[in-house]
Amino acid sequence: MLYESGMPVCLKCAKRRKSPEDDPAAIYAILVLQLEEATRLASSACTELAALGSDAPSGAPSPNRTQRIHKAANALNAAREKAVAAQNRLEDYLERGTVPEDLKRSG
């Protein structure tokens, strides 16, 4: 047996299960969860960068500290790009009904 949301699902039923593409509520839920996760990552990266900046000593930072700041800034930029992409995917679905390729039925 398989379990889905804590409920048992037999193997035959699992094989007949609809793909997310067949269920608008499932697509919406997936896209919202992806946006929430991307937003959490961006928030975490922002907090990390702010922490590095707030405890900065006066004077020129050490090369190691500079490297950590650059790494944190790059992580923040990457996280923000993922959040924007997730937002765009959700908006495309809501406004145009465009189902992202990775959520379409394969085969």
PDB file of N, CA and C in Angstrom:
ATOM      1  N   MET A   1       0.829  -1.195   0.000  1.00  0.00           N
ATOM      2  CA  MET A   1       0.000   0.000   0.000  1.00  0.00           C
ATOM      3  C   MET A   1       0.870   1.254   0.000  1.00  0.00           C
ATOM      4  N   LEU A   2       0.358   2.260  -0.607  1.00  0.00           N
ATOM      5  CA  LEU A   2       0.962   3.585  -0.585  1.00  0.00           C
ATOM      6  C   LEU A   2       0.118   4.472   0.314  1.00  0.00           C
ATOM      7  N   TYR A   3       0.697   5.562   0.724  1.00  0.00           N
ATOM      8  CA  TYR A   3      -0.048   6.524   1.535  1.00  0.00           C
ATOM      9  C   TYR A   3       0.015   7.882   0.867  1.00  0.00           C
ATOM     10  N   GLU A   4      -1.112   8.551   0.850  1.00  0.00           N
ATOM     11  CA  GLU A   4      -1.196   9.900   0.299  1.00  0.00           C
ATOM     12  C   GLU A   4      -1.947  10.757   1.300  1.00  0.00           C
ATOM     13  N   SER A   5      -1.276  11.748   1.843  1.00  0.00           N
ATOM     14  CA  SER A   5      -1.854  12.614   2.877  1.00  0.00           C
ATOM     15  C   SER A   5      -2.353  11.797   4.063  1.00  0.00           C
ATOM     16  N   GLY A   6      -1.595  10.751   4.404  1.00  0.00           N
ATOM     17  CA  GLY A   6      -1.931   9.936   5.555  1.00  0.00           C
ATOM     18  C   GLY A   6      -2.997   8.883   5.307  1.00  0.00           C
ATOM     19  N   MET A   7      -3.541   8.838   4.097  1.00  0.00           N
ATOM     20  CA  MET A   7      -4.588   7.872   3.770  1.00  0.00           C
ATOM     21  C   MET A   7      -4.001   6.759   2.904  1.00  0.00           C
ATOM     22  N   PRO A   8      -4.363   5.506   3.166  1.00  0.00           N
ATOM     23  CA  PRO A   8      -3.854   4.408   2.342  1.00  0.00           C
ATOM     24  C   PRO A   8      -4.441   4.458   0.939  1.00  0.00           C
ATOM     25  N   VAL A   9      -3.617   4.176  -0.043  1.00  0.00           N
ATOM     26  CA  VAL A   9      -4.027   4.138  -1.443  1.00  0.00           C
ATOM     27  C   VAL A   9      -3.471   2.852  -2.032  1.00  0.00           C
ATOM     28  N   CYS A  10      -4.325   2.044  -2.638  1.00  0.00           N
ATOM     29  CA  CYS A  10      -3.841   0.791  -3.223  1.00  0.00           C
ATOM     30  C   CYS A  10      -3.044   1.102  -4.489  1.00  0.00           C
ATOM     31  N   LEU A  11      -2.212   0.156  -4.916  1.00  0.00           N
ATOM     32  CA  LEU A  11      -1.346   0.369  -6.080  1.00  0.00           C
ATOM     33  C   LEU A  11      -2.157   0.598  -7.355  1.00  0.00           C
ATOM     34  N   LYS A  12      -3.270  -0.136  -7.526  1.00  0.00           N
ATOM     35  CA  LYS A  12      -4.113   0.061  -8.714  1.00  0.00           C
ATOM     36  C   LYS A  12      -4.670   1.476  -8.747  1.00  0.00           C
ATOM     37  N   CYS A  13      -5.115   1.952  -7.597  1.00  0.00           N
ATOM     38  CA  CYS A  13      -5.665   3.314  -7.531  1.00  0.00           C
ATOM     39  C   CYS A  13      -4.587   4.361  -7.805  1.00  0.00           C
ATOM     40  N   ALA A  14      -3.390   4.110  -7.304  1.00  0.00           N
ATOM     41  CA  ALA A  14      -2.293   5.047  -7.510  1.00  0.00           C
ATOM     42  C   ALA A  14      -1.954   5.158  -8.986  1.00  0.00           C
ATOM     43  N   LYS A  15      -2.028   4.038  -9.705  1.00  0.00           N
ATOM     44  CA  LYS A  15      -1.727   4.053 -11.142  1.00  0.00           C
ATOM     45  C   LYS A  15      -2.791   4.806 -11.928  1.00  0.00           C
ATOM     46  N   ARG A  16      -4.037   4.747 -11.451  1.00  0.00           N
ATOM     47  CA  ARG A  16      -5.134   5.437 -12.134  1.00  0.00           C
ATOM     48  C   ARG A  16      -5.246   6.905 -11.719  1.00  0.00           C
ATOM     49  N   ARG A  17      -4.475   7.281 -10.724  1.00  0.00           N
ATOM     50  CA  ARG A  17      -4.564   8.637 -10.188  1.00  0.00           C
ATOM     51  C   ARG A  17      -4.308   9.679 -11.275  1.00  0.00           C
ATOM     52  N   LYS A  18      -5.045  10.729 -11.206  1.00  0.00           N
ATOM     53  CA  LYS A  18      -4.887  11.813 -12.175  1.00  0.00           C
ATOM     54  C   LYS A  18      -3.549  12.510 -11.985  1.00  0.00           C
ATOM     55  N   SER A  19      -3.009  13.020 -13.075  1.00  0.00           N
ATOM     56  CA  SER A  19      -1.802  13.836 -12.973  1.00  0.00           C
ATOM     57  C   SER A  19      -2.216  15.213 -12.461  1.00  0.00           C
ATOM     58  N   PRO A  20      -1.271  15.978 -11.941  1.00  0.00           N
ATOM     59  CA  PRO A  20      -1.625  17.333 -11.476  1.00  0.00           C
ATOM     60  C   PRO A  20      -2.272  18.174 -12.568  1.00  0.00           C
ATOM     61  N   GLU A  21      -1.916  17.900 -13.822  1.00  0.00           N
ATOM     62  CA  GLU A  21      -2.462  18.672 -14.928  1.00  0.00           C
ATOM     63  C   GLU A  21      -3.987  18.516 -15.017  1.00  0.00           C
ATOM     64  N   ASP A  22      -4.496  17.382 -14.558  1.00  0.00           N
ATOM     65  CA  ASP A  22      -5.929  17.127 -14.603  1.00  0.00           C
ATOM     66  C   ASP A  22      -6.679  17.776 -13.443  1.00  0.00           C
ATOM     67  N   ASP A  23      -5.972  18.340 -12.502  1.00  0.00           N
ATOM     68  CA  ASP A  23      -6.603  18.874 -11.289  1.00  0.00           C
ATOM     69  C   ASP A  23      -6.127  20.301 -11.036  1.00  0.00           C
ATOM     70  N   PRO A  24      -6.933  21.302 -11.432  1.00  0.00           N
ATOM     71  CA  PRO A  24      -6.525  22.693 -11.253  1.00  0.00           C
ATOM     72  C   PRO A  24      -6.170  23.052  -9.812  1.00  0.00           C
ATOM     73  N   ALA A  25      -6.888  22.480  -8.848  1.00  0.00           N
ATOM     74  CA  ALA A  25      -6.591  22.781  -7.445  1.00  0.00           C
ATOM     75  C   ALA A  25      -5.216  22.249  -7.060  1.00  0.00           C
ATOM     76  N   ALA A  26      -4.841  21.099  -7.610  1.00  0.00           N
ATOM     77  CA  ALA A  26      -3.522  20.525  -7.316  1.00  0.00           C
ATOM     78  C   ALA A  26      -2.416  21.383  -7.917  1.00  0.00           C
ATOM     79  N   ILE A  27      -2.629  21.853  -9.135  1.00  0.00           N
ATOM     80  CA  ILE A  27      -1.619  22.715  -9.767  1.00  0.00           C
ATOM     81  C   ILE A  27      -1.450  23.991  -8.953  1.00  0.00           C
ATOM     82  N   TYR A  28      -2.558  24.604  -8.591  1.00  0.00           N
ATOM     83  CA  TYR A  28      -2.510  25.824  -7.796  1.00  0.00           C
ATOM     84  C   TYR A  28      -1.767  25.579  -6.485  1.00  0.00           C
ATOM     85  N   ALA A  29      -2.098  24.487  -5.803  1.00  0.00           N
ATOM     86  CA  ALA A  29      -1.463  24.178  -4.517  1.00  0.00           C
ATOM     87  C   ALA A  29       0.041  23.980  -4.681  1.00  0.00           C
ATOM     88  N   ILE A  30       0.450  23.269  -5.717  1.00  0.00           N
ATOM     89  CA  ILE A  30       1.873  23.038  -5.965  1.00  0.00           C
ATOM     90  C   ILE A  30       2.586  24.360  -6.212  1.00  0.00           C
ATOM     91  N   LEU A  31       2.005  25.197  -7.056  1.00  0.00           N
ATOM     92  CA  LEU A  31       2.643  26.478  -7.390  1.00  0.00           C
ATOM     93  C   LEU A  31       2.722  27.398  -6.176  1.00  0.00           C
ATOM     94  N   VAL A  32       1.692  27.409  -5.355  1.00  0.00           N
ATOM     95  CA  VAL A  32       1.719  28.237  -4.144  1.00  0.00           C
ATOM     96  C   VAL A  32       2.785  27.722  -3.178  1.00  0.00           C
ATOM     97  N   LEU A  33       2.872  26.405  -3.008  1.00  0.00           N
ATOM     98  CA  LEU A  33       3.903  25.837  -2.131  1.00  0.00           C
ATOM     99  C   LEU A  33       5.302  26.162  -2.642  1.00  0.00           C
ATOM    100  N   GLN A  34       5.496  26.087  -3.948  1.00  0.00           N
ATOM    101  CA  GLN A  34       6.806  26.428  -4.517  1.00  0.00           C
ATOM    102  C   GLN A  34       7.136  27.902  -4.282  1.00  0.00           C
ATOM    103  N   LEU A  35       6.156  28.762  -4.410  1.00  0.00           N
ATOM    104  CA  LEU A  35       6.372  30.187  -4.150  1.00  0.00           C
ATOM    105  C   LEU A  35       6.683  30.430  -2.680  1.00  0.00           C
ATOM    106  N   GLU A  36       5.954  29.763  -1.792  1.00  0.00           N
ATOM    107  CA  GLU A  36       6.219  29.921  -0.361  1.00  0.00           C
ATOM    108  C   GLU A  36       7.630  29.458  -0.006  1.00  0.00           C
ATOM    109  N   GLU A  37       8.056  28.338  -0.550  1.00  0.00           N
ATOM    110  CA  GLU A  37       9.399  27.827  -0.270  1.00  0.00           C
ATOM    111  C   GLU A  37      10.468  28.782  -0.811  1.00  0.00           C
ATOM    112  N   ALA A  38      10.280  29.276  -2.019  1.00  0.00           N
ATOM    113  CA  ALA A  38      11.242  30.212  -2.599  1.00  0.00           C
ATOM    114  C   ALA A  38      11.296  31.503  -1.785  1.00  0.00           C
ATOM    115  N   THR A  39      10.157  31.960  -1.298  1.00  0.00           N
ATOM    116  CA  THR A  39      10.110  33.169  -0.485  1.00  0.00           C
ATOM    117  C   THR A  39      10.818  32.948   0.853  1.00  0.00           C
ATOM    118  N   ARG A  40      10.620  31.767   1.452  1.00  0.00           N
ATOM    119  CA  ARG A  40      11.323  31.449   2.709  1.00  0.00           C
ATOM    120  C   ARG A  40      12.833  31.431   2.504  1.00  0.00           C
ATOM    121  N   LEU A  41      13.276  30.846   1.395  1.00  0.00           N
ATOM    122  CA  LEU A  41      14.720  30.805   1.112  1.00  0.00           C
ATOM    123  C   LEU A  41      15.281  32.218   0.929  1.00  0.00           C
ATOM    124  N   ALA A  42      14.544  33.059   0.220  1.00  0.00           N
ATOM    125  CA  ALA A  42      14.996  34.437   0.015  1.00  0.00           C
ATOM    126  C   ALA A  42      15.037  35.194   1.335  1.00  0.00           C
ATOM    127  N   SER A  43      14.049  34.991   2.170  1.00  0.00           N
ATOM    128  CA  SER A  43      14.016  35.651   3.471  1.00  0.00           C
ATOM    129  C   SER A  43      15.193  35.197   4.339  1.00  0.00           C
ATOM    130  N   SER A  44      15.459  33.914   4.328  1.00  0.00           N
ATOM    131  CA  SER A  44      16.576  33.362   5.103  1.00  0.00           C
ATOM    132  C   SER A  44      17.910  33.915   4.602  1.00  0.00           C
ATOM    133  N   ALA A  45      18.066  33.982   3.283  1.00  0.00           N
ATOM    134  CA  ALA A  45      19.301  34.518   2.707  1.00  0.00           C
ATOM    135  C   ALA A  45      19.462  35.998   3.047  1.00  0.00           C
ATOM    136  N   CYS A  46      18.362  36.729   3.049  1.00  0.00           N
ATOM    137  CA  CYS A  46      18.393  38.152   3.398  1.00  0.00           C
ATOM    138  C   CYS A  46      18.799  38.335   4.855  1.00  0.00           C
ATOM    139  N   THR A  47      18.249  37.503   5.720  1.00  0.00           N
ATOM    140  CA  THR A  47      18.582  37.563   7.147  1.00  0.00           C
ATOM    141  C   THR A  47      20.060  37.267   7.366  1.00  0.00           C
ATOM    142  N   GLU A  48      20.559  36.275   6.646  1.00  0.00           N
ATOM    143  CA  GLU A  48      21.980  35.912   6.781  1.00  0.00           C
ATOM    144  C   GLU A  48      22.884  37.059   6.329  1.00  0.00           C
ATOM    145  N   LEU A  49      22.556  37.673   5.204  1.00  0.00           N
ATOM    146  CA  LEU A  49      23.365  38.791   4.717  1.00  0.00           C
ATOM    147  C   LEU A  49      23.291  39.972   5.682  1.00  0.00           C
ATOM    148  N   ALA A  50      22.109  40.251   6.197  1.00  0.00           N
ATOM    149  CA  ALA A  50      21.955  41.354   7.153  1.00  0.00           C
ATOM    150  C   ALA A  50      22.764  41.094   8.415  1.00  0.00           C
ATOM    151  N   ALA A  51      22.798  39.848   8.861  1.00  0.00           N
ATOM    152  CA  ALA A  51      23.569  39.506  10.051  1.00  0.00           C
ATOM    153  C   ALA A  51      25.056  39.730   9.826  1.00  0.00           C
ATOM    154  N   LEU A  52      25.525  39.407   8.639  1.00  0.00           N
ATOM    155  CA  LEU A  52      26.940  39.630   8.330  1.00  0.00           C
ATOM    156  C   LEU A  52      27.258  41.123   8.320  1.00  0.00           C
ATOM    157  N   GLY A  53      26.313  41.919   7.826  1.00  0.00           N
ATOM    158  CA  GLY A  53      26.542  43.356   7.772  1.00  0.00           C
ATOM    159  C   GLY A  53      26.403  44.045   9.115  1.00  0.00           C
ATOM    160  N   SER A  54      25.529  43.539   9.957  1.00  0.00           N
ATOM    161  CA  SER A  54      25.275  44.222  11.221  1.00  0.00           C
ATOM    162  C   SER A  54      26.385  44.043  12.247  1.00  0.00           C
ATOM    163  N   ASP A  55      27.103  42.951  12.148  1.00  0.00           N
ATOM    164  CA  ASP A  55      28.184  42.746  13.114  1.00  0.00           C
ATOM    165  C   ASP A  55      29.554  43.039  12.496  1.00  0.00           C
ATOM    166  N   ALA A  56      29.531  43.878  11.470  1.00  0.00           N
ATOM    167  CA  ALA A  56      30.784  44.236  10.803  1.00  0.00           C
ATOM    168  C   ALA A  56      31.617  45.145  11.697  1.00  0.00           C
ATOM    169  N   PRO A  57      32.883  44.821  11.840  1.00  0.00           N
ATOM    170  CA  PRO A  57      33.767  45.708  12.606  1.00  0.00           C
ATOM    171  C   PRO A  57      34.063  46.971  11.802  1.00  0.00           C
ATOM    172  N   SER A  58      34.461  47.998  12.494  1.00  0.00           N
ATOM    173  CA  SER A  58      34.821  49.209  11.773  1.00  0.00           C
ATOM    174  C   SER A  58      36.142  48.984  11.059  1.00  0.00           C
ATOM    175  N   GLY A  59      36.352  49.683   9.985  1.00  0.00           N
ATOM    176  CA  GLY A  59      37.575  49.502   9.210  1.00  0.00           C
ATOM    177  C   GLY A  59      37.337  48.534   8.063  1.00  0.00           C
ATOM    178  N   ALA A  60      38.410  48.183   7.384  1.00  0.00           N
ATOM    179  CA  ALA A  60      38.317  47.292   6.227  1.00  0.00           C
ATOM    180  C   ALA A  60      38.073  45.858   6.689  1.00  0.00           C
ATOM    181  N   PRO A  61      37.107  45.184   6.052  1.00  0.00           N
ATOM    182  CA  PRO A  61      36.854  43.796   6.435  1.00  0.00           C
ATOM    183  C   PRO A  61      37.987  42.884   5.964  1.00  0.00           C
ATOM    184  N   SER A  62      38.140  41.780   6.660  1.00  0.00           N
ATOM    185  CA  SER A  62      39.162  40.813   6.275  1.00  0.00           C
ATOM    186  C   SER A  62      38.759  40.134   4.970  1.00  0.00           C
ATOM    187  N   PRO A  63      39.716  39.557   4.249  1.00  0.00           N
ATOM    188  CA  PRO A  63      39.380  38.865   2.999  1.00  0.00           C
ATOM    189  C   PRO A  63      38.364  37.733   3.221  1.00  0.00           C
ATOM    190  N   ASN A  64      38.468  37.027   4.340  1.00  0.00           N
ATOM    191  CA  ASN A  64      37.529  35.945   4.629  1.00  0.00           C
ATOM    192  C   ASN A  64      36.118  36.500   4.816  1.00  0.00           C
ATOM    193  N   ARG A  65      36.026  37.599   5.539  1.00  0.00           N
ATOM    194  CA  ARG A  65      34.718  38.221   5.776  1.00  0.00           C
ATOM    195  C   ARG A  65      34.143  38.746   4.459  1.00  0.00           C
ATOM    196  N   THR A  66      34.987  39.351   3.647  1.00  0.00           N
ATOM    197  CA  THR A  66      34.540  39.847   2.343  1.00  0.00           C
ATOM    198  C   THR A  66      34.005  38.698   1.498  1.00  0.00           C
ATOM    199  N   GLN A  67      34.702  37.586   1.531  1.00  0.00           N
ATOM    200  CA  GLN A  67      34.264  36.423   0.764  1.00  0.00           C
ATOM    201  C   GLN A  67      32.907  35.909   1.275  1.00  0.00           C
ATOM    202  N   ARG A  68      32.734  35.894   2.600  1.00  0.00           N
ATOM    203  CA  ARG A  68      31.461  35.440   3.164  1.00  0.00           C
ATOM    204  C   ARG A  68      30.322  36.382   2.773  1.00  0.00           C
ATOM    205  N   ILE A  69      30.610  37.679   2.742  1.00  0.00           N
ATOM    206  CA  ILE A  69      29.587  38.653   2.348  1.00  0.00           C
ATOM    207  C   ILE A  69      29.211  38.456   0.880  1.00  0.00           C
ATOM    208  N   HIS A  70      30.209  38.272   0.021  1.00  0.00           N
ATOM    209  CA  HIS A  70      29.931  38.037  -1.405  1.00  0.00           C
ATOM    210  C   HIS A  70      29.129  36.750  -1.594  1.00  0.00           C
ATOM    211  N   LYS A  71      29.492  35.713  -0.866  1.00  0.00           N
ATOM    212  CA  LYS A  71      28.780  34.440  -0.965  1.00  0.00           C
ATOM    213  C   LYS A  71      27.327  34.602  -0.515  1.00  0.00           C
ATOM    214  N   ALA A  72      27.110  35.310   0.578  1.00  0.00           N
ATOM    215  CA  ALA A  72      25.751  35.542   1.081  1.00  0.00           C
ATOM    216  C   ALA A  72      24.943  36.401   0.104  1.00  0.00           C
ATOM    217  N   ALA A  73      25.579  37.401  -0.495  1.00  0.00           N
ATOM    218  CA  ALA A  73      24.896  38.249  -1.471  1.00  0.00           C
ATOM    219  C   ALA A  73      24.519  37.454  -2.715  1.00  0.00           C
ATOM    220  N   ASN A  74      25.416  36.582  -3.161  1.00  0.00           N
ATOM    221  CA  ASN A  74      25.113  35.737  -4.318  1.00  0.00           C
ATOM    222  C   ASN A  74      23.974  34.777  -4.003  1.00  0.00           C
ATOM    223  N   ALA A  75      23.961  34.222  -2.794  1.00  0.00           N
ATOM    224  CA  ALA A  75      22.877  33.324  -2.384  1.00  0.00           C
ATOM    225  C   ALA A  75      21.549  34.074  -2.343  1.00  0.00           C
ATOM    226  N   LEU A  76      21.579  35.307  -1.874  1.00  0.00           N
ATOM    227  CA  LEU A  76      20.363  36.119  -1.834  1.00  0.00           C
ATOM    228  C   LEU A  76      19.861  36.399  -3.246  1.00  0.00           C
ATOM    229  N   ASN A  77      20.763  36.750  -4.153  1.00  0.00           N
ATOM    230  CA  ASN A  77      20.356  37.012  -5.538  1.00  0.00           C
ATOM    231  C   ASN A  77      19.744  35.770  -6.171  1.00  0.00           C
ATOM    232  N   ALA A  78      20.356  34.613  -5.955  1.00  0.00           N
ATOM    233  CA  ALA A  78      19.836  33.363  -6.515  1.00  0.00           C
ATOM    234  C   ALA A  78      18.462  33.039  -5.916  1.00  0.00           C
ATOM    235  N   ALA A  79      18.313  33.241  -4.622  1.00  0.00           N
ATOM    236  CA  ALA A  79      17.031  32.964  -3.966  1.00  0.00           C
ATOM    237  C   ALA A  79      15.949  33.918  -4.466  1.00  0.00           C
ATOM    238  N   ARG A  80      16.294  35.163  -4.667  1.00  0.00           N
ATOM    239  CA  ARG A  80      15.318  36.132  -5.190  1.00  0.00           C
ATOM    240  C   ARG A  80      14.908  35.769  -6.611  1.00  0.00           C
ATOM    241  N   GLU A  81      15.858  35.319  -7.419  1.00  0.00           N
ATOM    242  CA  GLU A  81      15.533  34.903  -8.787  1.00  0.00           C
ATOM    243  C   GLU A  81      14.568  33.718  -8.776  1.00  0.00           C
ATOM    244  N   LYS A  82      14.790  32.772  -7.859  1.00  0.00           N
ATOM    245  CA  LYS A  82      13.881  31.631  -7.749  1.00  0.00           C
ATOM    246  C   LYS A  82      12.492  32.085  -7.306  1.00  0.00           C
ATOM    247  N   ALA A  83      12.435  33.042  -6.395  1.00  0.00           N
ATOM    248  CA  ALA A  83      11.149  33.546  -5.927  1.00  0.00           C
ATOM    249  C   ALA A  83      10.406  34.256  -7.061  1.00  0.00           C
ATOM    250  N   VAL A  84      11.120  35.032  -7.852  1.00  0.00           N
ATOM    251  CA  VAL A  84      10.501  35.722  -8.989  1.00  0.00           C
ATOM    252  C   VAL A  84      10.005  34.698 -10.013  1.00  0.00           C
ATOM    253  N   ALA A  85      10.810  33.669 -10.278  1.00  0.00           N
ATOM    254  CA  ALA A  85      10.396  32.628 -11.218  1.00  0.00           C
ATOM    255  C   ALA A  85       9.148  31.904 -10.711  1.00  0.00           C
ATOM    256  N   ALA A  86       9.108  31.599  -9.414  1.00  0.00           N
ATOM    257  CA  ALA A  86       7.945  30.930  -8.835  1.00  0.00           C
ATOM    258  C   ALA A  86       6.714  31.832  -8.924  1.00  0.00           C
ATOM    259  N   GLN A  87       6.888  33.114  -8.665  1.00  0.00           N
ATOM    260  CA  GLN A  87       5.784  34.068  -8.770  1.00  0.00           C
ATOM    261  C   GLN A  87       5.277  34.141 -10.210  1.00  0.00           C
ATOM    262  N   ASN A  88       6.202  34.175 -11.167  1.00  0.00           N
ATOM    263  CA  ASN A  88       5.811  34.242 -12.578  1.00  0.00           C
ATOM    264  C   ASN A  88       5.057  32.989 -13.009  1.00  0.00           C
ATOM    265  N   ARG A  89       5.503  31.816 -12.525  1.00  0.00           N
ATOM    266  CA  ARG A  89       4.806  30.570 -12.861  1.00  0.00           C
ATOM    267  C   ARG A  89       3.374  30.596 -12.331  1.00  0.00           C
ATOM    268  N   LEU A  90       3.216  31.060 -11.097  1.00  0.00           N
ATOM    269  CA  LEU A  90       1.881  31.132 -10.506  1.00  0.00           C
ATOM    270  C   LEU A  90       1.014  32.140 -11.263  1.00  0.00           C
ATOM    271  N   GLU A  91       1.559  33.301 -11.559  1.00  0.00           N
ATOM    272  CA  GLU A  91       0.797  34.317 -12.294  1.00  0.00           C
ATOM    273  C   GLU A  91       0.410  33.827 -13.686  1.00  0.00           C
ATOM    274  N   ASP A  92       1.335  33.155 -14.380  1.00  0.00           N
ATOM    275  CA  ASP A  92       1.026  32.613 -15.705  1.00  0.00           C
ATOM    276  C   ASP A  92      -0.119  31.607 -15.631  1.00  0.00           C
ATOM    277  N   TYR A  93      -0.111  30.808 -14.581  1.00  0.00           N
ATOM    278  CA  TYR A  93      -1.193  29.835 -14.431  1.00  0.00           C
ATOM    279  C   TYR A  93      -2.519  30.523 -14.124  1.00  0.00           C
ATOM    280  N   LEU A  94      -2.493  31.474 -13.208  1.00  0.00           N
ATOM    281  CA  LEU A  94      -3.730  32.143 -12.813  1.00  0.00           C
ATOM    282  C   LEU A  94      -4.298  33.027 -13.911  1.00  0.00           C
ATOM    283  N   GLU A  95      -3.423  33.721 -14.636  1.00  0.00           N
ATOM    284  CA  GLU A  95      -3.893  34.672 -15.641  1.00  0.00           C
ATOM    285  C   GLU A  95      -4.167  34.034 -17.000  1.00  0.00           C
ATOM    286  N   ARG A  96      -3.347  33.045 -17.387  1.00  0.00           N
ATOM    287  CA  ARG A  96      -3.456  32.475 -18.725  1.00  0.00           C
ATOM    288  C   ARG A  96      -3.802  30.990 -18.738  1.00  0.00           C
ATOM    289  N   GLY A  97      -3.777  30.363 -17.564  1.00  0.00           N
ATOM    290  CA  GLY A  97      -4.041  28.929 -17.511  1.00  0.00           C
ATOM    291  C   GLY A  97      -2.867  28.095 -17.987  1.00  0.00           C
ATOM    292  N   THR A  98      -1.686  28.699 -18.046  1.00  0.00           N
ATOM    293  CA  THR A  98      -0.496  28.000 -18.522  1.00  0.00           C
ATOM    294  C   THR A  98       0.029  27.067 -17.446  1.00  0.00           C
ATOM    295  N   VAL A  99       0.010  25.769 -17.746  1.00  0.00           N
ATOM    296  CA  VAL A  99       0.535  24.771 -16.817  1.00  0.00           C
ATOM    297  C   VAL A  99       2.027  24.625 -17.083  1.00  0.00           C
ATOM    298  N   PRO A 100       2.874  24.792 -16.074  1.00  0.00           N
ATOM    299  CA  PRO A 100       4.307  24.633 -16.270  1.00  0.00           C
ATOM    300  C   PRO A 100       4.639  23.230 -16.798  1.00  0.00           C
ATOM    301  N   GLU A 101       5.634  23.142 -17.655  1.00  0.00           N
ATOM    302  CA  GLU A 101       6.001  21.881 -18.294  1.00  0.00           C
ATOM    303  C   GLU A 101       6.266  20.772 -17.276  1.00  0.00           C
ATOM    304  N   ASP A 102       6.916  21.101 -16.154  1.00  0.00           N
ATOM    305  CA  ASP A 102       7.255  20.066 -15.186  1.00  0.00           C
ATOM    306  C   ASP A 102       6.029  19.520 -14.452  1.00  0.00           C
ATOM    307  N   LEU A 103       4.871  20.170 -14.598  1.00  0.00           N
ATOM    308  CA  LEU A 103       3.651  19.688 -13.966  1.00  0.00           C
ATOM    309  C   LEU A 103       2.699  19.018 -14.961  1.00  0.00           C
ATOM    310  N   LYS A 104       3.095  19.021 -16.232  1.00  0.00           N
ATOM    311  CA  LYS A 104       2.267  18.371 -17.240  1.00  0.00           C
ATOM    312  C   LYS A 104       2.480  16.878 -17.204  1.00  0.00           C
ATOM    313  N   ARG A 105       1.481  16.171 -17.674  1.00  0.00           N
ATOM    314  CA  ARG A 105       1.550  14.711 -17.731  1.00  0.00           C
ATOM    315  C   ARG A 105       2.682  14.303 -18.666  1.00  0.00           C
ATOM    316  N   SER A 106       3.470  13.349 -18.215  1.00  0.00           N
ATOM    317  CA  SER A 106       4.541  12.834 -19.072  1.00  0.00           C
ATOM    318  C   SER A 106       4.069  11.536 -19.701  1.00  0.00           C
ATOM    319  N   GLY A 107       4.307  11.433 -21.003  1.00  0.00           N
ATOM    320  CA  GLY A 107       3.949  10.204 -21.690  1.00  0.00           C
ATOM    321  C   GLY A 107       2.677  10.270 -22.336  1.00  0.00           C
TER     322      GLY A 107
END
